[in-house]
PDB file of N, CA and C in Angstrom:
ATOM      1  N   UNK A   1      74.325  -0.463 -41.108  1.00  0.00           N
ATOM      2  CA  UNK A   1      75.161   0.001 -40.034  1.00  0.00           C
ATOM      3  C   UNK A   1      74.312   0.532 -38.891  1.00  0.00           C
ATOM      4  N   UNK A   2      73.387  -0.321 -38.429  1.00  0.00           N
ATOM      5  CA  UNK A   2      72.486   0.086 -37.356  1.00  0.00           C
ATOM      6  C   UNK A   2      73.198   0.298 -36.034  1.00  0.00           C
ATOM      7  N   UNK A   3      74.393  -0.275 -35.889  1.00  0.00           N
ATOM      8  CA  UNK A   3      75.130  -0.133 -34.629  1.00  0.00           C
ATOM      9  C   UNK A   3      75.539   1.313 -34.359  1.00  0.00           C
ATOM     10  N   UNK A   4      75.535   2.163 -35.375  1.00  0.00           N
ATOM     11  CA  UNK A   4      75.919   3.561 -35.189  1.00  0.00           C
ATOM     12  C   UNK A   4      74.870   4.340 -34.397  1.00  0.00           C
ATOM     13  N   UNK A   5      73.639   3.847 -34.359  1.00  0.00           N
ATOM     14  CA  UNK A   5      72.560   4.543 -33.662  1.00  0.00           C
ATOM     15  C   UNK A   5      72.148   3.860 -32.357  1.00  0.00           C
ATOM     16  N   UNK A   6      72.850   2.836 -31.919  1.00  0.00           N
ATOM     17  CA  UNK A   6      72.462   2.097 -30.715  1.00  0.00           C
ATOM     18  C   UNK A   6      72.462   2.960 -29.469  1.00  0.00           C
ATOM     19  N   UNK A   7      73.345   3.948 -29.384  1.00  0.00           N
ATOM     20  CA  UNK A   7      73.397   4.806 -28.200  1.00  0.00           C
ATOM     21  C   UNK A   7      72.083   5.543 -27.989  1.00  0.00           C
ATOM     22  N   UNK A   8      71.377   5.833 -29.072  1.00  0.00           N
ATOM     23  CA  UNK A   8      70.126   6.577 -29.004  1.00  0.00           C
ATOM     24  C   UNK A   8      68.897   5.671 -28.935  1.00  0.00           C
ATOM     25  N   UNK A   9      69.080   4.370 -29.087  1.00  0.00           N
ATOM     26  CA  UNK A   9      67.956   3.430 -29.054  1.00  0.00           C
ATOM     27  C   UNK A   9      67.334   3.339 -27.661  1.00  0.00           C
ATOM     28  N   UNK A  10      66.133   2.842 -27.634  1.00  0.00           N
ATOM     29  CA  UNK A  10      65.439   2.591 -26.380  1.00  0.00           C
ATOM     30  C   UNK A  10      66.146   1.459 -25.640  1.00  0.00           C
ATOM     31  N   UNK A  11      66.229   1.566 -24.334  1.00  0.00           N
ATOM     32  CA  UNK A  11      66.839   0.521 -23.524  1.00  0.00           C
ATOM     33  C   UNK A  11      65.944  -0.714 -23.525  1.00  0.00           C
ATOM     34  N   UNK A  12      66.514  -1.861 -23.882  1.00  0.00           N
ATOM     35  CA  UNK A  12      65.768  -3.118 -23.960  1.00  0.00           C
ATOM     36  C   UNK A  12      65.470  -3.646 -22.561  1.00  0.00           C
ATOM     37  N   UNK A  13      66.499  -3.642 -21.708  1.00  0.00           N
ATOM     38  CA  UNK A  13      66.365  -4.087 -20.323  1.00  0.00           C
ATOM     39  C   UNK A  13      67.590  -3.613 -19.560  1.00  0.00           C
ATOM     40  N   UNK A  14      67.619  -3.901 -18.279  1.00  0.00           N
ATOM     41  CA  UNK A  14      68.774  -3.564 -17.464  1.00  0.00           C
ATOM     42  C   UNK A  14      69.383  -4.841 -16.911  1.00  0.00           C
ATOM     43  N   UNK A  15      70.713  -4.845 -16.822  1.00  0.00           N
ATOM     44  CA  UNK A  15      71.437  -5.992 -16.307  1.00  0.00           C
ATOM     45  C   UNK A  15      72.443  -5.514 -15.263  1.00  0.00           C
ATOM     46  N   UNK A  16      72.853  -6.430 -14.407  1.00  0.00           N
ATOM     47  CA  UNK A  16      73.801  -6.120 -13.343  1.00  0.00           C
ATOM     48  C   UNK A  16      75.112  -6.847 -13.615  1.00  0.00           C
ATOM     49  N   UNK A  17      76.211  -6.127 -13.534  1.00  0.00           N
ATOM     50  CA  UNK A  17      77.535  -6.723 -13.708  1.00  0.00           C
ATOM     51  C   UNK A  17      77.881  -7.514 -12.452  1.00  0.00           C
ATOM     52  N   UNK A  18      78.276  -8.782 -12.620  1.00  0.00           N
ATOM     53  CA  UNK A  18      78.618  -9.606 -11.472  1.00  0.00           C
ATOM     54  C   UNK A  18      80.126  -9.715 -11.268  1.00  0.00           C
ATOM     55  N   UNK A  19      80.908  -9.561 -12.349  1.00  0.00           N
ATOM     56  CA  UNK A  19      82.366  -9.551 -12.219  1.00  0.00           C
ATOM     57  C   UNK A  19      82.982  -8.935 -13.472  1.00  0.00           C
ATOM     58  N   UNK A  20      84.236  -8.543 -13.355  1.00  0.00           N
ATOM     59  CA  UNK A  20      84.977  -7.976 -14.488  1.00  0.00           C
ATOM     60  C   UNK A  20      86.317  -8.682 -14.631  1.00  0.00           C
ATOM     61  N   UNK A  21      86.346  -9.961 -14.287  1.00  0.00           N
ATOM     62  CA  UNK A  21      87.564 -10.763 -14.352  1.00  0.00           C
ATOM     63  C   UNK A  21      87.574 -11.575 -15.647  1.00  0.00           C
ATOM     64  N   UNK A  22      88.062 -10.958 -16.701  1.00  0.00           N
ATOM     65  CA  UNK A  22      88.098 -11.620 -17.994  1.00  0.00           C
ATOM     66  C   UNK A  22      89.372 -12.435 -18.132  1.00  0.00           C
ATOM     67  N   UNK A  23      89.277 -13.565 -18.812  1.00  0.00           N
ATOM     68  CA  UNK A  23      90.436 -14.416 -19.023  1.00  0.00           C
ATOM     69  C   UNK A  23      91.322 -13.890 -20.153  1.00  0.00           C
ATOM     70  N   UNK A  24      90.690 -13.356 -21.189  1.00  0.00           N
ATOM     71  CA  UNK A  24      91.428 -13.001 -22.396  1.00  0.00           C
ATOM     72  C   UNK A  24      91.496 -11.498 -22.642  1.00  0.00           C
ATOM     73  N   UNK A  25      90.468 -10.758 -22.258  1.00  0.00           N
ATOM     74  CA  UNK A  25      90.389  -9.337 -22.557  1.00  0.00           C
ATOM     75  C   UNK A  25      90.399  -8.509 -21.279  1.00  0.00           C
ATOM     76  N   UNK A  26      90.724  -7.247 -21.391  1.00  0.00           N
ATOM     77  CA  UNK A  26      90.705  -6.337 -20.249  1.00  0.00           C
ATOM     78  C   UNK A  26      89.360  -5.613 -20.256  1.00  0.00           C
ATOM     79  N   UNK A  27      88.496  -5.955 -19.315  1.00  0.00           N
ATOM     80  CA  UNK A  27      87.191  -5.302 -19.237  1.00  0.00           C
ATOM     81  C   UNK A  27      87.003  -4.547 -17.933  1.00  0.00           C
ATOM     82  N   UNK A  28      87.958  -4.649 -17.020  1.00  0.00           N
ATOM     83  CA  UNK A  28      87.783  -3.985 -15.726  1.00  0.00           C
ATOM     84  C   UNK A  28      87.896  -2.466 -15.825  1.00  0.00           C
ATOM     85  N   UNK A  29      88.350  -1.937 -16.960  1.00  0.00           N
ATOM     86  CA  UNK A  29      88.395  -0.490 -17.162  1.00  0.00           C
ATOM     87  C   UNK A  29      87.033   0.061 -17.576  1.00  0.00           C
ATOM     88  N   UNK A  30      86.180  -0.771 -18.156  1.00  0.00           N
ATOM     89  CA  UNK A  30      84.899  -0.295 -18.684  1.00  0.00           C
ATOM     90  C   UNK A  30      83.683  -0.901 -17.985  1.00  0.00           C
ATOM     91  N   UNK A  31      83.893  -1.884 -17.115  1.00  0.00           N
ATOM     92  CA  UNK A  31      82.809  -2.482 -16.354  1.00  0.00           C
ATOM     93  C   UNK A  31      83.101  -2.373 -14.862  1.00  0.00           C
ATOM     94  N   UNK A  32      82.051  -2.130 -14.092  1.00  0.00           N
ATOM     95  CA  UNK A  32      82.170  -2.058 -12.644  1.00  0.00           C
ATOM     96  C   UNK A  32      81.249  -3.106 -12.034  1.00  0.00           C
ATOM     97  N   UNK A  33      81.787  -4.056 -11.260  1.00  0.00           N
ATOM     98  CA  UNK A  33      80.921  -5.045 -10.612  1.00  0.00           C
ATOM     99  C   UNK A  33      79.874  -4.377  -9.734  1.00  0.00           C
ATOM    100  N   UNK A  34      78.685  -4.964  -9.719  1.00  0.00           N
ATOM    101  CA  UNK A  34      77.512  -4.505  -8.956  1.00  0.00           C
ATOM    102  C   UNK A  34      76.812  -3.298  -9.576  1.00  0.00           C
ATOM    103  N   UNK A  35      77.304  -2.777 -10.684  1.00  0.00           N
ATOM    104  CA  UNK A  35      76.661  -1.639 -11.336  1.00  0.00           C
ATOM    105  C   UNK A  35      75.599  -2.134 -12.317  1.00  0.00           C
ATOM    106  N   UNK A  36      74.531  -1.366 -12.460  1.00  0.00           N
ATOM    107  CA  UNK A  36      73.443  -1.679 -13.382  1.00  0.00           C
ATOM    108  C   UNK A  36      73.712  -0.979 -14.716  1.00  0.00           C
ATOM    109  N   UNK A  37      73.592  -1.722 -15.812  1.00  0.00           N
ATOM    110  CA  UNK A  37      73.841  -1.195 -17.146  1.00  0.00           C
ATOM    111  C   UNK A  37      72.584  -1.332 -18.010  1.00  0.00           C
ATOM    112  N   UNK A  38      72.422  -0.401 -18.947  1.00  0.00           N
ATOM    113  CA  UNK A  38      71.308  -0.426 -19.896  1.00  0.00           C
ATOM    114  C   UNK A  38      71.706  -1.226 -21.125  1.00  0.00           C
ATOM    115  N   UNK A  39      70.874  -2.199 -21.496  1.00  0.00           N
ATOM    116  CA  UNK A  39      71.118  -3.026 -22.677  1.00  0.00           C
ATOM    117  C   UNK A  39      70.461  -2.358 -23.877  1.00  0.00           C
ATOM    118  N   UNK A  40      71.238  -2.131 -24.924  1.00  0.00           N
ATOM    119  CA  UNK A  40      70.735  -1.520 -26.154  1.00  0.00           C
ATOM    120  C   UNK A  40      70.437  -2.562 -27.220  1.00  0.00           C
ATOM    121  N   UNK A  41      71.136  -3.693 -27.179  1.00  0.00           N
ATOM    122  CA  UNK A  41      70.898  -4.794 -28.108  1.00  0.00           C
ATOM    123  C   UNK A  41      71.453  -6.062 -27.477  1.00  0.00           C
ATOM    124  N   UNK A  42      70.996  -7.211 -27.969  1.00  0.00           N
ATOM    125  CA  UNK A  42      71.387  -8.493 -27.387  1.00  0.00           C
ATOM    126  C   UNK A  42      71.467  -9.546 -28.472  1.00  0.00           C
ATOM    127  N   UNK A  43      72.485 -10.411 -28.389  1.00  0.00           N
ATOM    128  CA  UNK A  43      72.578 -11.575 -29.261  1.00  0.00           C
ATOM    129  C   UNK A  43      72.626 -12.814 -28.372  1.00  0.00           C
ATOM    130  N   UNK A  44      72.888 -13.970 -28.956  1.00  0.00           N
ATOM    131  CA  UNK A  44      72.947 -15.201 -28.178  1.00  0.00           C
ATOM    132  C   UNK A  44      74.095 -15.194 -27.168  1.00  0.00           C
ATOM    133  N   UNK A  45      75.215 -14.569 -27.514  1.00  0.00           N
ATOM    134  CA  UNK A  45      76.399 -14.598 -26.659  1.00  0.00           C
ATOM    135  C   UNK A  45      76.753 -13.268 -26.019  1.00  0.00           C
ATOM    136  N   UNK A  46      76.243 -12.157 -26.554  1.00  0.00           N
ATOM    137  CA  UNK A  46      76.685 -10.840 -26.113  1.00  0.00           C
ATOM    138  C   UNK A  46      75.538  -9.914 -25.735  1.00  0.00           C
ATOM    139  N   UNK A  47      75.833  -9.020 -24.787  1.00  0.00           N
ATOM    140  CA  UNK A  47      74.994  -7.866 -24.500  1.00  0.00           C
ATOM    141  C   UNK A  47      75.730  -6.648 -25.050  1.00  0.00           C
ATOM    142  N   UNK A  48      75.013  -5.763 -25.696  1.00  0.00           N
ATOM    143  CA  UNK A  48      75.571  -4.498 -26.144  1.00  0.00           C
ATOM    144  C   UNK A  48      75.018  -3.434 -25.213  1.00  0.00           C
ATOM    145  N   UNK A  49      75.907  -2.892 -24.370  1.00  0.00           N
ATOM    146  CA  UNK A  49      75.486  -2.001 -23.296  1.00  0.00           C
ATOM    147  C   UNK A  49      76.213  -0.661 -23.401  1.00  0.00           C
ATOM    148  N   UNK A  50      75.668   0.329 -22.698  1.00  0.00           N
ATOM    149  CA  UNK A  50      76.371   1.595 -22.518  1.00  0.00           C
ATOM    150  C   UNK A  50      77.288   1.395 -21.323  1.00  0.00           C
ATOM    151  N   UNK A  51      78.599   1.319 -21.591  1.00  0.00           N
ATOM    152  CA  UNK A  51      79.564   1.008 -20.530  1.00  0.00           C
ATOM    153  C   UNK A  51      80.040   2.275 -19.816  1.00  0.00           C
ATOM    154  N   UNK A  52      81.087   2.163 -19.014  1.00  0.00           N
ATOM    155  CA  UNK A  52      81.592   3.288 -18.224  1.00  0.00           C
ATOM    156  C   UNK A  52      82.175   4.414 -19.066  1.00  0.00           C
ATOM    157  N   UNK A  53      82.440   4.172 -20.336  1.00  0.00           N
ATOM    158  CA  UNK A  53      82.947   5.216 -21.222  1.00  0.00           C
ATOM    159  C   UNK A  53      81.811   5.976 -21.902  1.00  0.00           C
ATOM    160  N   UNK A  54      80.562   5.628 -21.562  1.00  0.00           N
ATOM    161  CA  UNK A  54      79.356   6.203 -22.168  1.00  0.00           C
ATOM    162  C   UNK A  54      79.247   5.914 -23.654  1.00  0.00           C
ATOM    163  N   UNK A  55      79.860   4.832 -24.098  1.00  0.00           N
ATOM    164  CA  UNK A  55      79.738   4.347 -25.470  1.00  0.00           C
ATOM    165  C   UNK A  55      79.152   2.941 -25.419  1.00  0.00           C
ATOM    166  N   UNK A  56      78.608   2.481 -26.528  1.00  0.00           N
ATOM    167  CA  UNK A  56      78.063   1.131 -26.585  1.00  0.00           C
ATOM    168  C   UNK A  56      79.199   0.152 -26.849  1.00  0.00           C
ATOM    169  N   UNK A  57      79.269  -0.879 -26.027  1.00  0.00           N
ATOM    170  CA  UNK A  57      80.261  -1.929 -26.191  1.00  0.00           C
ATOM    171  C   UNK A  57      79.604  -3.284 -26.061  1.00  0.00           C
ATOM    172  N   UNK A  58      80.175  -4.289 -26.717  1.00  0.00           N
ATOM    173  CA  UNK A  58      79.663  -5.651 -26.645  1.00  0.00           C
ATOM    174  C   UNK A  58      80.450  -6.474 -25.644  1.00  0.00           C
ATOM    175  N   UNK A  59      79.742  -7.114 -24.741  1.00  0.00           N
ATOM    176  CA  UNK A  59      80.385  -7.911 -23.693  1.00  0.00           C
ATOM    177  C   UNK A  59      79.699  -9.260 -23.583  1.00  0.00           C
ATOM    178  N   UNK A  60      80.468 -10.283 -23.260  1.00  0.00           N
ATOM    179  CA  UNK A  60      79.905 -11.623 -23.090  1.00  0.00           C
ATOM    180  C   UNK A  60      78.889 -11.627 -21.956  1.00  0.00           C
ATOM    181  N   UNK A  61      77.907 -12.467 -22.077  1.00  0.00           N
ATOM    182  CA  UNK A  61      76.840 -12.536 -21.082  1.00  0.00           C
ATOM    183  C   UNK A  61      77.316 -13.078 -19.740  1.00  0.00           C
ATOM    184  N   UNK A  62      78.473 -13.719 -19.696  1.00  0.00           N
ATOM    185  CA  UNK A  62      78.970 -14.307 -18.450  1.00  0.00           C
ATOM    186  C   UNK A  62      79.327 -13.257 -17.396  1.00  0.00           C
ATOM    187  N   UNK A  63      79.476 -12.007 -17.789  1.00  0.00           N
ATOM    188  CA  UNK A  63      79.811 -10.936 -16.837  1.00  0.00           C
ATOM    189  C   UNK A  63      78.587 -10.368 -16.143  1.00  0.00           C
ATOM    190  N   UNK A  64      77.390 -10.778 -16.548  1.00  0.00           N
ATOM    191  CA  UNK A  64      76.169 -10.116 -16.089  1.00  0.00           C
ATOM    192  C   UNK A  64      75.121 -11.105 -15.579  1.00  0.00           C
ATOM    193  N   UNK A  65      74.185 -10.559 -14.835  1.00  0.00           N
ATOM    194  CA  UNK A  65      72.970 -11.260 -14.475  1.00  0.00           C
ATOM    195  C   UNK A  65      71.816 -10.298 -14.754  1.00  0.00           C
ATOM    196  N   UNK A  66      70.688 -10.845 -15.144  1.00  0.00           N
ATOM    197  CA  UNK A  66      69.557  -9.984 -15.459  1.00  0.00           C
ATOM    198  C   UNK A  66      68.975  -9.415 -14.183  1.00  0.00           C
ATOM    199  N   UNK A  67      68.683  -8.142 -14.218  1.00  0.00           N
ATOM    200  CA  UNK A  67      68.112  -7.447 -13.062  1.00  0.00           C
ATOM    201  C   UNK A  67      66.660  -7.875 -12.916  1.00  0.00           C
ATOM    202  N   UNK A  68      66.294  -8.289 -11.709  1.00  0.00           N
ATOM    203  CA  UNK A  68      64.921  -8.692 -11.440  1.00  0.00           C
ATOM    204  C   UNK A  68      64.171  -7.482 -10.895  1.00  0.00           C
ATOM    205  N   UNK A  69      63.117  -7.146 -11.594  1.00  0.00           N
ATOM    206  CA  UNK A  69      62.327  -5.955 -11.202  1.00  0.00           C
ATOM    207  C   UNK A  69      61.136  -6.375 -10.366  1.00  0.00           C
TER     208      UNK A  69
END
């Protein structure tokens, strides 16, 4: 149950939200377009980020673009 400690993990990278227009789910309450989010974990399809509720949530990668440093 490693997901219980993700909030305290080191940030892997930062990503920028490009939109919050989901077809199936309501994500506009927890994501803000143009905001930078800290990635705590990543899979092939999802980013696990600290969202606007200050909790870790999993979101599809289509909502984000990687921040170029």
